[in-house]
Amino acid sequence: MITEIFYMNGYGIYVWTSFFFTLLSFITLYVIIKVQYTKERNRFISKYGALDSKKAETARSQKINKEILSSGQSI
């Protein structure tokens, strides 16, 4: 019974290899995205760590931040 699941009438090697390759790809993608997110979050915290009203107003007045904020509100 269990061996039938692994062999799948001779196609098991292809099915299981594809399954593990896909699983490995998803895990790798997740780790890469998590590392990039952590780096960007740390960069943001180091630049705007304790946002007082003066720093917040400066961040809002910058052109790129205005574009980000305006595009974020339309979603």
N, C-alpha and C. Protein backbone atom coordinates (compact mmCIF):
# COMPACT_ATOMS: atom_id res chain seq x y z
N MET A 1 0.82 -1.20 0.00
CA MET A 1 0.00 0.00 0.00
C MET A 1 0.87 1.26 0.00
N ILE A 2 1.77 1.36 0.96
CA ILE A 2 2.64 2.53 1.04
C ILE A 2 3.60 2.58 -0.15
N THR A 3 4.08 1.42 -0.59
CA THR A 3 5.01 1.40 -1.71
C THR A 3 4.33 1.85 -3.00
N GLU A 4 3.02 1.61 -3.11
CA GLU A 4 2.30 2.07 -4.30
C GLU A 4 2.29 3.60 -4.38
N ILE A 5 2.21 4.24 -3.21
CA ILE A 5 2.24 5.71 -3.19
C ILE A 5 3.59 6.22 -3.66
N PHE A 6 4.65 5.56 -3.27
CA PHE A 6 5.99 5.99 -3.66
C PHE A 6 6.30 5.68 -5.12
N TYR A 7 5.87 4.53 -5.60
CA TYR A 7 6.19 4.13 -6.97
C TYR A 7 5.26 4.73 -8.01
N MET A 8 3.98 4.85 -7.73
CA MET A 8 2.99 5.44 -8.63
C MET A 8 3.09 4.86 -10.04
N ASN A 9 3.07 3.57 -10.14
CA ASN A 9 3.14 2.86 -11.43
C ASN A 9 4.37 3.25 -12.26
N GLY A 10 5.48 3.47 -11.60
CA GLY A 10 6.71 3.80 -12.31
C GLY A 10 6.97 5.28 -12.48
N TYR A 11 5.99 6.13 -12.15
CA TYR A 11 6.16 7.58 -12.32
C TYR A 11 6.53 8.28 -11.02
N GLY A 12 6.67 7.55 -9.97
CA GLY A 12 6.94 8.13 -8.67
C GLY A 12 8.21 8.97 -8.62
N ILE A 13 9.25 8.51 -9.28
CA ILE A 13 10.52 9.25 -9.25
C ILE A 13 10.35 10.65 -9.83
N TYR A 14 9.55 10.77 -10.87
CA TYR A 14 9.33 12.07 -11.50
C TYR A 14 8.42 12.95 -10.65
N VAL A 15 7.38 12.33 -10.11
CA VAL A 15 6.42 13.09 -9.30
C VAL A 15 7.07 13.60 -8.03
N TRP A 16 7.77 12.73 -7.31
CA TRP A 16 8.36 13.13 -6.04
C TRP A 16 9.52 14.10 -6.25
N THR A 17 10.28 13.93 -7.30
CA THR A 17 11.36 14.87 -7.60
C THR A 17 10.79 16.25 -7.89
N SER A 18 9.73 16.30 -8.67
CA SER A 18 9.09 17.59 -8.97
C SER A 18 8.50 18.22 -7.72
N PHE A 19 7.89 17.40 -6.88
CA PHE A 19 7.31 17.91 -5.63
C PHE A 19 8.38 18.51 -4.74
N PHE A 20 9.47 17.81 -4.54
CA PHE A 20 10.53 18.32 -3.67
C PHE A 20 11.23 19.53 -4.27
N PHE A 21 11.40 19.57 -5.58
CA PHE A 21 11.99 20.73 -6.23
C PHE A 21 11.11 21.96 -6.03
N THR A 22 9.80 21.79 -6.18
CA THR A 22 8.86 22.90 -5.99
C THR A 22 8.88 23.36 -4.54
N LEU A 23 8.87 22.44 -3.61
CA LEU A 23 8.91 22.77 -2.19
C LEU A 23 10.21 23.52 -1.85
N LEU A 24 11.32 23.06 -2.37
CA LEU A 24 12.60 23.72 -2.14
C LEU A 24 12.60 25.13 -2.74
N SER A 25 12.01 25.29 -3.91
CA SER A 25 11.93 26.60 -4.54
C SER A 25 11.11 27.57 -3.71
N PHE A 26 9.98 27.11 -3.19
CA PHE A 26 9.13 27.97 -2.35
C PHE A 26 9.84 28.37 -1.06
N ILE A 27 10.52 27.42 -0.45
CA ILE A 27 11.24 27.73 0.78
C ILE A 27 12.36 28.73 0.52
N THR A 28 13.09 28.54 -0.57
CA THR A 28 14.17 29.47 -0.93
C THR A 28 13.62 30.86 -1.20
N LEU A 29 12.54 30.95 -1.93
CA LEU A 29 11.93 32.24 -2.21
C LEU A 29 11.47 32.92 -0.93
N TYR A 30 10.87 32.17 -0.02
CA TYR A 30 10.43 32.73 1.25
C TYR A 30 11.60 33.29 2.05
N VAL A 31 12.69 32.55 2.11
CA VAL A 31 13.86 32.99 2.87
C VAL A 31 14.46 34.25 2.25
N ILE A 32 14.57 34.29 0.93
CA ILE A 32 15.13 35.47 0.25
C ILE A 32 14.27 36.70 0.51
N ILE A 33 12.96 36.56 0.41
CA ILE A 33 12.07 37.70 0.63
C ILE A 33 12.13 38.15 2.08
N LYS A 34 12.20 37.21 3.02
CA LYS A 34 12.28 37.57 4.43
C LYS A 34 13.57 38.32 4.74
N VAL A 35 14.69 37.89 4.18
CA VAL A 35 15.97 38.57 4.40
C VAL A 35 15.93 39.98 3.82
N GLN A 36 15.39 40.13 2.61
CA GLN A 36 15.29 41.46 2.00
C GLN A 36 14.37 42.37 2.81
N TYR A 37 13.26 41.84 3.29
CA TYR A 37 12.34 42.63 4.10
C TYR A 37 13.02 43.10 5.38
N THR A 38 13.76 42.22 6.03
CA THR A 38 14.45 42.58 7.26
C THR A 38 15.48 43.67 7.01
N LYS A 39 16.22 43.57 5.91
CA LYS A 39 17.20 44.60 5.58
C LYS A 39 16.53 45.95 5.35
N GLU A 40 15.45 45.95 4.57
CA GLU A 40 14.74 47.21 4.30
C GLU A 40 14.12 47.79 5.56
N ARG A 41 13.58 46.93 6.41
CA ARG A 41 12.99 47.41 7.66
C ARG A 41 14.05 48.03 8.55
N ASN A 42 15.23 47.40 8.62
CA ASN A 42 16.32 47.94 9.43
C ASN A 42 16.83 49.26 8.86
N ARG A 43 16.88 49.36 7.52
CA ARG A 43 17.28 50.63 6.91
C ARG A 43 16.29 51.73 7.24
N PHE A 44 15.01 51.41 7.18
CA PHE A 44 13.97 52.39 7.50
C PHE A 44 14.07 52.82 8.96
N ILE A 45 14.25 51.86 9.85
CA ILE A 45 14.34 52.18 11.28
C ILE A 45 15.57 53.02 11.56
N SER A 46 16.70 52.72 10.89
CA SER A 46 17.90 53.51 11.13
C SER A 46 17.75 54.93 10.60
N LYS A 47 16.97 55.11 9.54
CA LYS A 47 16.80 56.44 8.97
C LYS A 47 15.70 57.22 9.67
N TYR A 48 14.59 56.55 9.96
CA TYR A 48 13.44 57.24 10.56
C TYR A 48 13.07 56.61 11.90
N GLY A 49 14.05 56.10 12.65
CA GLY A 49 13.79 55.34 13.86
C GLY A 49 12.74 55.92 14.77
N ALA A 50 13.02 57.04 15.36
CA ALA A 50 12.05 57.69 16.25
C ALA A 50 11.52 58.90 15.49
N LEU A 51 10.40 58.71 14.84
CA LEU A 51 9.83 59.79 14.03
C LEU A 51 9.14 60.80 14.93
N ASP A 52 9.80 61.93 15.12
CA ASP A 52 9.09 63.02 15.77
C ASP A 52 8.33 63.79 14.69
N SER A 53 7.61 64.79 15.05
CA SER A 53 6.76 65.48 14.08
C SER A 53 7.59 66.17 12.99
N LYS A 54 8.78 66.63 13.34
CA LYS A 54 9.63 67.31 12.36
C LYS A 54 10.14 66.32 11.29
N LYS A 55 10.62 65.16 11.73
CA LYS A 55 11.09 64.15 10.78
C LYS A 55 9.94 63.60 9.94
N ALA A 56 8.79 63.43 10.54
CA ALA A 56 7.63 62.93 9.81
C ALA A 56 7.22 63.91 8.72
N GLU A 57 7.23 65.19 9.03
CA GLU A 57 6.87 66.20 8.03
C GLU A 57 7.90 66.24 6.91
N THR A 58 9.18 66.08 7.24
CA THR A 58 10.24 66.04 6.23
C THR A 58 10.04 64.82 5.32
N ALA A 59 9.71 63.68 5.90
CA ALA A 59 9.49 62.47 5.11
C ALA A 59 8.29 62.63 4.19
N ARG A 60 7.24 63.28 4.67
CA ARG A 60 6.06 63.48 3.83
C ARG A 60 6.31 64.47 2.71
N SER A 61 7.23 65.40 2.90
CA SER A 61 7.46 66.43 1.90
C SER A 61 8.36 65.96 0.76
N GLN A 62 9.08 64.85 0.94
CA GLN A 62 9.96 64.35 -0.11
C GLN A 62 9.13 63.79 -1.26
N LYS A 63 9.60 64.02 -2.48
CA LYS A 63 8.86 63.66 -3.68
C LYS A 63 8.55 62.17 -3.75
N ILE A 64 9.56 61.32 -3.51
CA ILE A 64 9.36 59.88 -3.64
C ILE A 64 8.36 59.39 -2.62
N ASN A 65 8.41 59.95 -1.41
CA ASN A 65 7.47 59.53 -0.38
C ASN A 65 6.05 59.97 -0.72
N LYS A 66 5.91 61.13 -1.35
CA LYS A 66 4.58 61.58 -1.78
C LYS A 66 4.01 60.60 -2.80
N GLU A 67 4.85 60.13 -3.73
CA GLU A 67 4.40 59.19 -4.73
C GLU A 67 3.98 57.86 -4.08
N ILE A 68 4.75 57.42 -3.11
CA ILE A 68 4.45 56.15 -2.42
C ILE A 68 3.14 56.28 -1.65
N LEU A 69 3.01 57.39 -0.93
CA LEU A 69 1.80 57.59 -0.13
C LEU A 69 0.57 57.74 -1.01
N SER A 70 0.70 58.45 -2.12
CA SER A 70 -0.48 58.65 -2.98
C SER A 70 -0.88 57.34 -3.67
N SER A 71 0.10 56.52 -4.07
CA SER A 71 -0.24 55.25 -4.70
C SER A 71 -0.80 54.26 -3.69
N GLY A 72 -0.37 54.36 -2.46
CA GLY A 72 -0.86 53.45 -1.43
C GLY A 72 -2.30 53.73 -1.04
N GLN A 73 -2.74 54.97 -1.18
CA GLN A 73 -4.10 55.30 -0.78
C GLN A 73 -5.10 54.89 -1.85
N SER A 74 -4.67 54.79 -3.10
CA SER A 74 -5.60 54.44 -4.17
C SER A 74 -5.88 52.94 -4.24
N ILE A 75 -5.10 52.14 -3.52
CA ILE A 75 -5.30 50.68 -3.56
C ILE A 75 -6.46 50.28 -2.72
